[in-house]
Amino acid sequence: MASASSSAPAIRQGVAPLRAGQGYSFVLRRLHSLTGIVPVSAFLFEHILISNSTAITGPDAYARQVSFLANLPLVFFLELFGIWLPILFHALYGFYIWYRGDGNTVAYPWSGNWMYTAQRWTGGIAFVYIVWHTYTMRFTGVDLHENPMASFGKVQLEVAHTAQFLFYVVGLVAASWHFAYGIWLFSAKWGIVSGDKAQKRLLRVCVLFFMVLCGAGFASLYSFRSRPIAEDEPNRAMLHSDHFQSDHKAVEQTAGSGRPVQ
């Protein structure tokens, strides 16, 4: 008589595929997985590797990119239905999945569990970062859609404060990891890449992509921090405010200049 242990099915490690027949949960999980790639990941790709990378070459290039995006046809509806609503759904349903899930990194400390946990935490941090960044850039101070030339200086004012700069660094790393590892999860769950060897190769590519995203983001942050503060008219009032003076001096010392650029 065969023992129970010999007849038990083998437990296979990996990513569980999305299966039909699970009601609304299946549809919502499909949408959650899909919105993580299109359009959320497409937005992060454009924001980190294209728009923010133009800041490396200076204020003029960055202002031209901001002006180009601000003057796209139907830009409000593009942002609403192509960015903000998908991000909101992806984040809120992601929090729901996180709430319903059980953390088991202690009981089963294999790499997949740690990756899953890191994906949840980086998603939460990235969501807070995106909400804060959107609020400060779009709904406070000068309107960058109407004054794109003030865009470089406005970001400089943000990262001039040490605490906010560190928050930007943490948010960038979290968003980059969530994006890069999310590509691997999407490919595995949708059956695009199957087999252990193929998935391991894709994981290495995604880790490399994560490093590229971080490198581009750090380079753009360095450009914002290292250049003298742009004293254009929209930023002039804040530049000379008491709240900003201490951090302004710190940035000037970092940049090696005692006078802001006109």
C-alpha atoms as a PDB file:
ATOM      1  CA  MET A   1       0.000   0.000   0.000  1.00  0.00           C
ATOM      2  CA  ALA A   2       1.460   3.365  -1.077  1.00  0.00           C
ATOM      3  CA  SER A   3       2.025   5.955   1.622  1.00  0.00           C
ATOM      4  CA  ALA A   4       0.135   9.234   1.658  1.00  0.00           C
ATOM      5  CA  SER A   5       3.352  11.193   1.196  1.00  0.00           C
ATOM      6  CA  SER A   6       4.256   9.349  -2.014  1.00  0.00           C
ATOM      7  CA  SER A   7       0.840   9.981  -3.568  1.00  0.00           C
ATOM      8  CA  ALA A   8       0.692  13.698  -2.677  1.00  0.00           C
ATOM      9  CA  PRO A   9       1.113  16.024  -5.655  1.00  0.00           C
ATOM     10  CA  ALA A  10       4.387  17.880  -5.888  1.00  0.00           C
ATOM     11  CA  ILE A  11       4.276  21.531  -4.922  1.00  0.00           C
ATOM     12  CA  ARG A  12       5.667  23.683  -7.683  1.00  0.00           C
ATOM     13  CA  GLN A  13       7.176  27.046  -6.907  1.00  0.00           C
ATOM     14  CA  GLY A  14       6.417  29.922  -9.205  1.00  0.00           C
ATOM     15  CA  VAL A  15       3.777  32.446 -10.164  1.00  0.00           C
ATOM     16  CA  ALA A  16       0.204  31.184 -10.198  1.00  0.00           C
ATOM     17  CA  PRO A  17      -1.425  31.812 -13.609  1.00  0.00           C
ATOM     18  CA  LEU A  18      -4.595  33.816 -13.970  1.00  0.00           C
ATOM     19  CA  ARG A  19      -7.460  31.367 -14.502  1.00  0.00           C
ATOM     20  CA  ALA A  20     -10.952  31.876 -15.846  1.00  0.00           C
ATOM     21  CA  GLY A  21     -14.087  30.862 -13.970  1.00  0.00           C
ATOM     22  CA  GLN A  22     -13.382  32.904 -10.870  1.00  0.00           C
ATOM     23  CA  GLY A  23     -16.157  35.475 -11.331  1.00  0.00           C
ATOM     24  CA  TYR A  24     -15.523  39.166 -10.837  1.00  0.00           C
ATOM     25  CA  SER A  25     -12.247  38.456  -9.067  1.00  0.00           C
ATOM     26  CA  PHE A  26     -10.791  37.046 -12.274  1.00  0.00           C
ATOM     27  CA  VAL A  27     -11.849  40.093 -14.310  1.00  0.00           C
ATOM     28  CA  LEU A  28     -10.589  42.576 -11.722  1.00  0.00           C
ATOM     29  CA  ARG A  29      -7.269  40.791 -11.373  1.00  0.00           C
ATOM     30  CA  ARG A  30      -6.902  40.766 -15.153  1.00  0.00           C
ATOM     31  CA  LEU A  31      -7.574  44.509 -15.264  1.00  0.00           C
ATOM     32  CA  HIS A  32      -5.227  45.111 -12.353  1.00  0.00           C
ATOM     33  CA  SER A  33      -2.451  43.197 -14.071  1.00  0.00           C
ATOM     34  CA  LEU A  34      -3.106  44.868 -17.427  1.00  0.00           C
ATOM     35  CA  THR A  35      -3.283  48.427 -16.088  1.00  0.00           C
ATOM     36  CA  GLY A  36       0.058  47.850 -14.409  1.00  0.00           C
ATOM     37  CA  ILE A  37       1.598  47.616 -17.887  1.00  0.00           C
ATOM     38  CA  VAL A  38      -0.697  49.809 -19.997  1.00  0.00           C
ATOM     39  CA  PRO A  39      -0.867  52.629 -19.232  1.00  0.00           C
ATOM     40  CA  VAL A  40       0.791  52.871 -15.777  1.00  0.00           C
ATOM     41  CA  SER A  41       4.157  51.420 -16.785  1.00  0.00           C
ATOM     42  CA  ALA A  42       4.079  53.351 -20.055  1.00  0.00           C
ATOM     43  CA  PHE A  43       3.590  56.546 -18.025  1.00  0.00           C
ATOM     44  CA  LEU A  44       6.523  55.713 -15.729  1.00  0.00           C
ATOM     45  CA  PHE A  45       8.705  54.859 -18.727  1.00  0.00           C
ATOM     46  CA  GLU A  46       7.962  58.221 -20.332  1.00  0.00           C
ATOM     47  CA  HIS A  47       8.241  60.140 -17.071  1.00  0.00           C
ATOM     48  CA  ILE A  48      11.564  58.667 -15.898  1.00  0.00           C
ATOM     49  CA  LEU A  49      13.449  57.788 -19.078  1.00  0.00           C
ATOM     50  CA  ILE A  50      12.198  60.544 -21.392  1.00  0.00           C
ATOM     51  CA  SER A  51      10.820  63.629 -19.642  1.00  0.00           C
ATOM     52  CA  ASN A  52      13.009  63.613 -16.543  1.00  0.00           C
ATOM     53  CA  SER A  53      16.078  62.612 -18.549  1.00  0.00           C
ATOM     54  CA  THR A  54      15.826  65.856 -20.514  1.00  0.00           C
ATOM     55  CA  ALA A  55      16.635  67.646 -17.249  1.00  0.00           C
ATOM     56  CA  ILE A  56      20.156  66.233 -17.492  1.00  0.00           C
ATOM     57  CA  THR A  57      20.873  68.606 -20.386  1.00  0.00           C
ATOM     58  CA  GLY A  58      19.455  71.640 -18.601  1.00  0.00           C
ATOM     59  CA  PRO A  59      16.400  73.853 -18.032  1.00  0.00           C
ATOM     60  CA  ASP A  60      15.682  74.679 -21.690  1.00  0.00           C
ATOM     61  CA  ALA A  61      15.378  71.064 -22.811  1.00  0.00           C
ATOM     62  CA  TYR A  62      13.236  70.224 -19.795  1.00  0.00           C
ATOM     63  CA  ALA A  63      10.947  73.196 -20.452  1.00  0.00           C
ATOM     64  CA  ARG A  64      10.497  72.156 -24.092  1.00  0.00           C
ATOM     65  CA  GLN A  65       9.466  68.657 -23.007  1.00  0.00           C
ATOM     66  CA  VAL A  66       6.983  70.033 -20.462  1.00  0.00           C
ATOM     67  CA  SER A  67       5.566  72.379 -23.105  1.00  0.00           C
ATOM     68  CA  PHE A  68       5.214  69.504 -25.579  1.00  0.00           C
ATOM     69  CA  LEU A  69       3.272  67.374 -23.092  1.00  0.00           C
ATOM     70  CA  ALA A  70       1.122  70.313 -21.942  1.00  0.00           C
ATOM     71  CA  ASN A  71       0.073  71.084 -25.524  1.00  0.00           C
ATOM     72  CA  LEU A  72      -0.969  67.573 -26.547  1.00  0.00           C
ATOM     73  CA  PRO A  73      -4.526  67.461 -27.962  1.00  0.00           C
ATOM     74  CA  LEU A  74      -7.172  66.810 -25.284  1.00  0.00           C
ATOM     75  CA  VAL A  75      -4.419  66.629 -22.671  1.00  0.00           C
ATOM     76  CA  PHE A  76      -6.876  66.732 -19.746  1.00  0.00           C
ATOM     77  CA  PHE A  77      -8.750  63.647 -20.983  1.00  0.00           C
ATOM     78  CA  LEU A  78      -5.493  61.897 -21.894  1.00  0.00           C
ATOM     79  CA  GLU A  79      -4.266  62.381 -18.334  1.00  0.00           C
ATOM     80  CA  LEU A  80      -7.615  61.505 -16.748  1.00  0.00           C
ATOM     81  CA  PHE A  81      -8.349  58.293 -18.650  1.00  0.00           C
ATOM     82  CA  GLY A  82      -4.811  57.372 -19.659  1.00  0.00           C
ATOM     83  CA  ILE A  83      -2.972  58.025 -16.389  1.00  0.00           C
ATOM     84  CA  TRP A  84      -4.875  59.040 -13.250  1.00  0.00           C
ATOM     85  CA  LEU A  85      -7.890  56.707 -13.306  1.00  0.00           C
ATOM     86  CA  PRO A  86      -5.799  53.639 -14.277  1.00  0.00           C
ATOM     87  CA  ILE A  87      -3.243  54.479 -11.576  1.00  0.00           C
ATOM     88  CA  LEU A  88      -6.028  54.951  -9.021  1.00  0.00           C
ATOM     89  CA  PHE A  89      -7.644  51.603  -9.904  1.00  0.00           C
ATOM     90  CA  HIS A  90      -4.319  49.771  -9.996  1.00  0.00           C
ATOM     91  CA  ALA A  91      -3.307  51.213  -6.612  1.00  0.00           C
ATOM     92  CA  LEU A  92      -6.604  50.714  -4.775  1.00  0.00           C
ATOM     93  CA  TYR A  93      -7.141  47.168  -6.032  1.00  0.00           C
ATOM     94  CA  GLY A  94      -3.490  46.449  -5.296  1.00  0.00           C
ATOM     95  CA  PHE A  95      -4.040  47.570  -1.698  1.00  0.00           C
ATOM     96  CA  TYR A  96      -7.075  45.271  -1.568  1.00  0.00           C
ATOM     97  CA  ILE A  97      -5.010  42.300  -2.802  1.00  0.00           C
ATOM     98  CA  TRP A  98      -2.335  43.177  -0.266  1.00  0.00           C
ATOM     99  CA  TYR A  99      -4.938  43.339   2.509  1.00  0.00           C
ATOM    100  CA  ARG A 100      -6.417  39.959   1.546  1.00  0.00           C
ATOM    101  CA  GLY A 101      -3.027  38.280   1.198  1.00  0.00           C
ATOM    102  CA  ASP A 102      -1.019  36.663   3.959  1.00  0.00           C
ATOM    103  CA  GLY A 103       2.657  37.492   4.417  1.00  0.00           C
ATOM    104  CA  ASN A 104       4.705  34.286   4.672  1.00  0.00           C
ATOM    105  CA  THR A 105       8.287  35.429   4.213  1.00  0.00           C
ATOM    106  CA  VAL A 106       9.182  34.131   7.683  1.00  0.00           C
ATOM    107  CA  ALA A 107       7.555  30.715   7.349  1.00  0.00           C
ATOM    108  CA  TYR A 108       8.631  30.269   3.704  1.00  0.00           C
ATOM    109  CA  PRO A 109      11.657  32.518   3.161  1.00  0.00           C
ATOM    110  CA  TRP A 110      12.294  31.667  -0.507  1.00  0.00           C
ATOM    111  CA  SER A 111      13.089  34.485  -2.917  1.00  0.00           C
ATOM    112  CA  GLY A 112       9.644  34.548  -4.553  1.00  0.00           C
ATOM    113  CA  ASN A 113       7.965  35.442  -1.263  1.00  0.00           C
ATOM    114  CA  TRP A 114      10.408  38.269  -0.641  1.00  0.00           C
ATOM    115  CA  MET A 115       9.856  39.520  -4.191  1.00  0.00           C
ATOM    116  CA  TYR A 116       6.097  39.477  -3.597  1.00  0.00           C
ATOM    117  CA  THR A 117       6.480  41.411  -0.342  1.00  0.00           C
ATOM    118  CA  ALA A 118       8.823  43.940  -1.948  1.00  0.00           C
ATOM    119  CA  GLN A 119       6.332  44.427  -4.785  1.00  0.00           C
ATOM    120  CA  ARG A 120       3.536  45.250  -2.340  1.00  0.00           C
ATOM    121  CA  TRP A 121       5.603  47.699  -0.269  1.00  0.00           C
ATOM    122  CA  THR A 122       7.170  49.449  -3.244  1.00  0.00           C
ATOM    123  CA  GLY A 123       3.714  49.787  -4.788  1.00  0.00           C
ATOM    124  CA  GLY A 124       2.413  51.540  -1.675  1.00  0.00           C
ATOM    125  CA  ILE A 125       5.426  53.843  -1.465  1.00  0.00           C
ATOM    126  CA  ALA A 126       5.259  54.627  -5.188  1.00  0.00           C
ATOM    127  CA  PHE A 127       1.562  55.496  -4.927  1.00  0.00           C
ATOM    128  CA  VAL A 128       2.193  57.977  -2.081  1.00  0.00           C
ATOM    129  CA  TYR A 129       5.111  59.423  -4.032  1.00  0.00           C
ATOM    130  CA  ILE A 130       3.094  59.855  -7.242  1.00  0.00           C
ATOM    131  CA  VAL A 131       0.186  61.496  -5.385  1.00  0.00           C
ATOM    132  CA  TRP A 132       2.537  63.910  -3.602  1.00  0.00           C
ATOM    133  CA  HIS A 133       4.516  64.694  -6.748  1.00  0.00           C
ATOM    134  CA  THR A 134       1.322  65.310  -8.747  1.00  0.00           C
ATOM    135  CA  TYR A 135      -0.144  67.537  -6.043  1.00  0.00           C
ATOM    136  CA  THR A 136       2.930  69.725  -5.655  1.00  0.00           C
ATOM    137  CA  MET A 137       3.686  69.993  -9.383  1.00  0.00           C
ATOM    138  CA  ARG A 138       0.147  70.465 -10.687  1.00  0.00           C
ATOM    139  CA  PHE A 139      -1.929  72.007  -7.910  1.00  0.00           C
ATOM    140  CA  THR A 140       0.457  74.265  -5.983  1.00  0.00           C
ATOM    141  CA  GLY A 141       2.442  77.276  -7.091  1.00  0.00           C
ATOM    142  CA  VAL A 142       2.858  78.242 -10.727  1.00  0.00           C
ATOM    143  CA  ASP A 143       0.820  76.378 -13.359  1.00  0.00           C
ATOM    144  CA  LEU A 144       3.382  74.565 -15.512  1.00  0.00           C
ATOM    145  CA  HIS A 145       0.908  74.109 -18.368  1.00  0.00           C
ATOM    146  CA  GLU A 146       0.792  77.881 -18.720  1.00  0.00           C
ATOM    147  CA  ASN A 147       4.413  78.544 -17.699  1.00  0.00           C
ATOM    148  CA  PRO A 148       6.548  75.586 -18.849  1.00  0.00           C
ATOM    149  CA  MET A 149       9.728  77.699 -18.593  1.00  0.00           C
ATOM    150  CA  ALA A 150       9.277  77.645 -14.806  1.00  0.00           C
ATOM    151  CA  SER A 151       9.247  73.822 -14.669  1.00  0.00           C
ATOM    152  CA  PHE A 152      12.941  73.269 -14.007  1.00  0.00           C
ATOM    153  CA  GLY A 153      13.031  75.862 -11.236  1.00  0.00           C
ATOM    154  CA  LYS A 154       9.885  74.482  -9.635  1.00  0.00           C
ATOM    155  CA  VAL A 155      11.383  71.002  -9.349  1.00  0.00           C
ATOM    156  CA  GLN A 156      14.581  72.558  -8.003  1.00  0.00           C
ATOM    157  CA  LEU A 157      12.586  74.180  -5.215  1.00  0.00           C
ATOM    158  CA  GLU A 158      11.151  70.770  -4.349  1.00  0.00           C
ATOM    159  CA  VAL A 159      14.426  68.862  -4.145  1.00  0.00           C
ATOM    160  CA  ALA A 160      16.291  71.748  -2.479  1.00  0.00           C
ATOM    161  CA  HIS A 161      14.732  70.677   0.835  1.00  0.00           C
ATOM    162  CA  THR A 162      16.786  67.743   2.106  1.00  0.00           C
ATOM    163  CA  ALA A 163      13.810  65.792   3.458  1.00  0.00           C
ATOM    164  CA  GLN A 164      11.887  66.156   0.211  1.00  0.00           C
ATOM    165  CA  PHE A 165      14.967  65.233  -1.815  1.00  0.00           C
ATOM    166  CA  LEU A 166      15.342  62.001   0.177  1.00  0.00           C
ATOM    167  CA  PHE A 167      11.628  61.341  -0.305  1.00  0.00           C
ATOM    168  CA  TYR A 168      12.139  61.737  -4.063  1.00  0.00           C
ATOM    169  CA  VAL A 169      15.021  59.245  -3.968  1.00  0.00           C
ATOM    170  CA  VAL A 170      12.979  56.655  -2.055  1.00  0.00           C
ATOM    171  CA  GLY A 171       9.969  57.221  -4.322  1.00  0.00           C
ATOM    172  CA  LEU A 172      12.094  56.858  -7.444  1.00  0.00           C
ATOM    173  CA  VAL A 173      13.626  53.569  -6.267  1.00  0.00           C
ATOM    174  CA  ALA A 174      10.210  52.209  -5.221  1.00  0.00           C
ATOM    175  CA  ALA A 175       8.521  53.175  -8.505  1.00  0.00           C
ATOM    176  CA  SER A 176      11.418  51.771 -10.547  1.00  0.00           C
ATOM    177  CA  TRP A 177      11.386  48.417  -8.743  1.00  0.00           C
ATOM    178  CA  HIS A 178       7.593  48.121  -8.881  1.00  0.00           C
ATOM    179  CA  PHE A 179       7.703  48.870 -12.604  1.00  0.00           C
ATOM    180  CA  ALA A 180      10.579  46.523 -13.477  1.00  0.00           C
ATOM    181  CA  TYR A 181       9.477  43.543 -11.383  1.00  0.00           C
ATOM    182  CA  GLY A 182       5.890  44.166 -12.489  1.00  0.00           C
ATOM    183  CA  ILE A 183       6.971  43.399 -16.061  1.00  0.00           C
ATOM    184  CA  TRP A 184       8.235  40.016 -14.896  1.00  0.00           C
ATOM    185  CA  LEU A 185       5.030  39.297 -12.970  1.00  0.00           C
ATOM    186  CA  PHE A 186       2.885  40.286 -15.933  1.00  0.00           C
ATOM    187  CA  SER A 187       4.857  38.079 -18.322  1.00  0.00           C
ATOM    188  CA  ALA A 188       4.711  35.103 -15.958  1.00  0.00           C
ATOM    189  CA  LYS A 189       1.039  35.445 -15.025  1.00  0.00           C
ATOM    190  CA  TRP A 190      -0.153  35.905 -18.604  1.00  0.00           C
ATOM    191  CA  GLY A 191       1.937  32.979 -19.850  1.00  0.00           C
ATOM    192  CA  ILE A 192       4.088  35.170 -22.119  1.00  0.00           C
ATOM    193  CA  VAL A 193       7.248  33.694 -20.635  1.00  0.00           C
ATOM    194  CA  SER A 194       7.020  30.121 -19.340  1.00  0.00           C
ATOM    195  CA  GLY A 195       9.576  27.713 -18.007  1.00  0.00           C
ATOM    196  CA  ASP A 196      12.021  28.220 -15.174  1.00  0.00           C
ATOM    197  CA  LYS A 197      15.025  29.071 -17.348  1.00  0.00           C
ATOM    198  CA  ALA A 198      13.148  31.607 -19.454  1.00  0.00           C
ATOM    199  CA  GLN A 199      11.670  33.269 -16.372  1.00  0.00           C
ATOM    200  CA  LYS A 200      15.081  33.471 -14.687  1.00  0.00           C
ATOM    201  CA  ARG A 201      16.550  35.115 -17.792  1.00  0.00           C
ATOM    202  CA  LEU A 202      13.678  37.595 -17.901  1.00  0.00           C
ATOM    203  CA  LEU A 203      14.147  38.343 -14.195  1.00  0.00           C
ATOM    204  CA  ARG A 204      17.790  39.252 -14.826  1.00  0.00           C
ATOM    205  CA  VAL A 205      16.700  41.564 -17.640  1.00  0.00           C
ATOM    206  CA  CYS A 206      14.114  43.198 -15.365  1.00  0.00           C
ATOM    207  CA  VAL A 207      16.692  43.746 -12.616  1.00  0.00           C
ATOM    208  CA  LEU A 208      18.978  45.369 -15.190  1.00  0.00           C
ATOM    209  CA  PHE A 209      16.073  47.544 -16.341  1.00  0.00           C
ATOM    210  CA  PHE A 210      15.481  48.560 -12.719  1.00  0.00           C
ATOM    211  CA  MET A 211      19.094  49.712 -12.498  1.00  0.00           C
ATOM    212  CA  VAL A 212      18.722  51.708 -15.736  1.00  0.00           C
ATOM    213  CA  LEU A 213      15.602  53.444 -14.391  1.00  0.00           C
ATOM    214  CA  CYS A 214      17.345  54.302 -11.131  1.00  0.00           C
ATOM    215  CA  GLY A 215      20.425  55.534 -12.967  1.00  0.00           C
ATOM    216  CA  ALA A 216      18.393  57.853 -15.195  1.00  0.00           C
ATOM    217  CA  GLY A 217      16.383  59.093 -12.223  1.00  0.00           C
ATOM    218  CA  PHE A 218      19.452  59.745 -10.088  1.00  0.00           C
ATOM    219  CA  ALA A 219      21.117  61.617 -12.956  1.00  0.00           C
ATOM    220  CA  SER A 220      18.094  63.894 -13.359  1.00  0.00           C
ATOM    221  CA  LEU A 221      17.903  64.515  -9.598  1.00  0.00           C
ATOM    222  CA  TYR A 222      21.598  65.366  -9.575  1.00  0.00           C
ATOM    223  CA  SER A 223      20.996  67.878 -12.379  1.00  0.00           C
ATOM    224  CA  PHE A 224      18.200  69.535 -10.396  1.00  0.00           C
ATOM    225  CA  ARG A 225      20.304  69.672  -7.229  1.00  0.00           C
ATOM    226  CA  SER A 226      23.661  70.644  -8.718  1.00  0.00           C
ATOM    227  CA  ARG A 227      22.597  73.533 -10.956  1.00  0.00           C
ATOM    228  CA  PRO A 228      22.105  77.021  -9.476  1.00  0.00           C
ATOM    229  CA  ILE A 229      18.471  77.785  -8.744  1.00  0.00           C
ATOM    230  CA  ALA A 230      16.768  79.333 -11.754  1.00  0.00           C
ATOM    231  CA  GLU A 231      15.494  82.716 -10.558  1.00  0.00           C
ATOM    232  CA  ASP A 232      12.742  83.175 -13.111  1.00  0.00           C
ATOM    233  CA  GLU A 233       9.773  85.426 -12.387  1.00  0.00           C
ATOM    234  CA  PRO A 234       7.304  82.677 -11.274  1.00  0.00           C
ATOM    235  CA  ASN A 235       9.824  81.365  -8.746  1.00  0.00           C
ATOM    236  CA  ARG A 236      11.130  84.720  -7.527  1.00  0.00           C
ATOM    237  CA  ALA A 237       8.693  85.122  -4.618  1.00  0.00           C
ATOM    238  CA  MET A 238       9.428  81.689  -3.218  1.00  0.00           C
ATOM    239  CA  LEU A 239      13.158  82.045  -3.753  1.00  0.00           C
ATOM    240  CA  HIS A 240      13.244  85.023  -1.403  1.00  0.00           C
ATOM    241  CA  SER A 241      10.848  83.632   1.196  1.00  0.00           C
ATOM    242  CA  ASP A 242      12.133  82.968   4.730  1.00  0.00           C
ATOM    243  CA  HIS A 243      11.013  79.332   4.495  1.00  0.00           C
ATOM    244  CA  PHE A 244      13.302  78.692   1.544  1.00  0.00           C
ATOM    245  CA  GLN A 245      16.453  80.631   2.441  1.00  0.00           C
ATOM    246  CA  SER A 246      18.308  77.941   4.426  1.00  0.00           C
ATOM    247  CA  ASP A 247      17.840  75.215   1.834  1.00  0.00           C
ATOM    248  CA  HIS A 248      18.615  77.665  -0.963  1.00  0.00           C
ATOM    249  CA  LYS A 249      22.029  78.361   0.566  1.00  0.00           C
ATOM    250  CA  ALA A 250      22.699  74.636   0.898  1.00  0.00           C
ATOM    251  CA  VAL A 251      21.932  74.061  -2.764  1.00  0.00           C
ATOM    252  CA  GLU A 252      24.158  76.958  -3.830  1.00  0.00           C
ATOM    253  CA  GLN A 253      27.037  75.488  -1.836  1.00  0.00           C
ATOM    254  CA  THR A 254      26.457  72.118  -3.492  1.00  0.00           C
ATOM    255  CA  ALA A 255      26.418  73.747  -6.909  1.00  0.00           C
ATOM    256  CA  GLY A 256      29.581  75.706  -6.150  1.00  0.00           C
ATOM    257  CA  SER A 257      27.984  79.028  -7.007  1.00  0.00           C
ATOM    258  CA  GLY A 258      26.993  82.015  -4.901  1.00  0.00           C
ATOM    259  CA  ARG A 259      24.621  83.571  -7.474  1.00  0.00           C
ATOM    260  CA  PRO A 260      21.475  82.091  -8.998  1.00  0.00           C
ATOM    261  CA  VAL A 261      21.119  81.920 -12.756  1.00  0.00           C
ATOM    262  CA  GLN A 262      18.849  84.594 -14.216  1.00  0.00           C
END
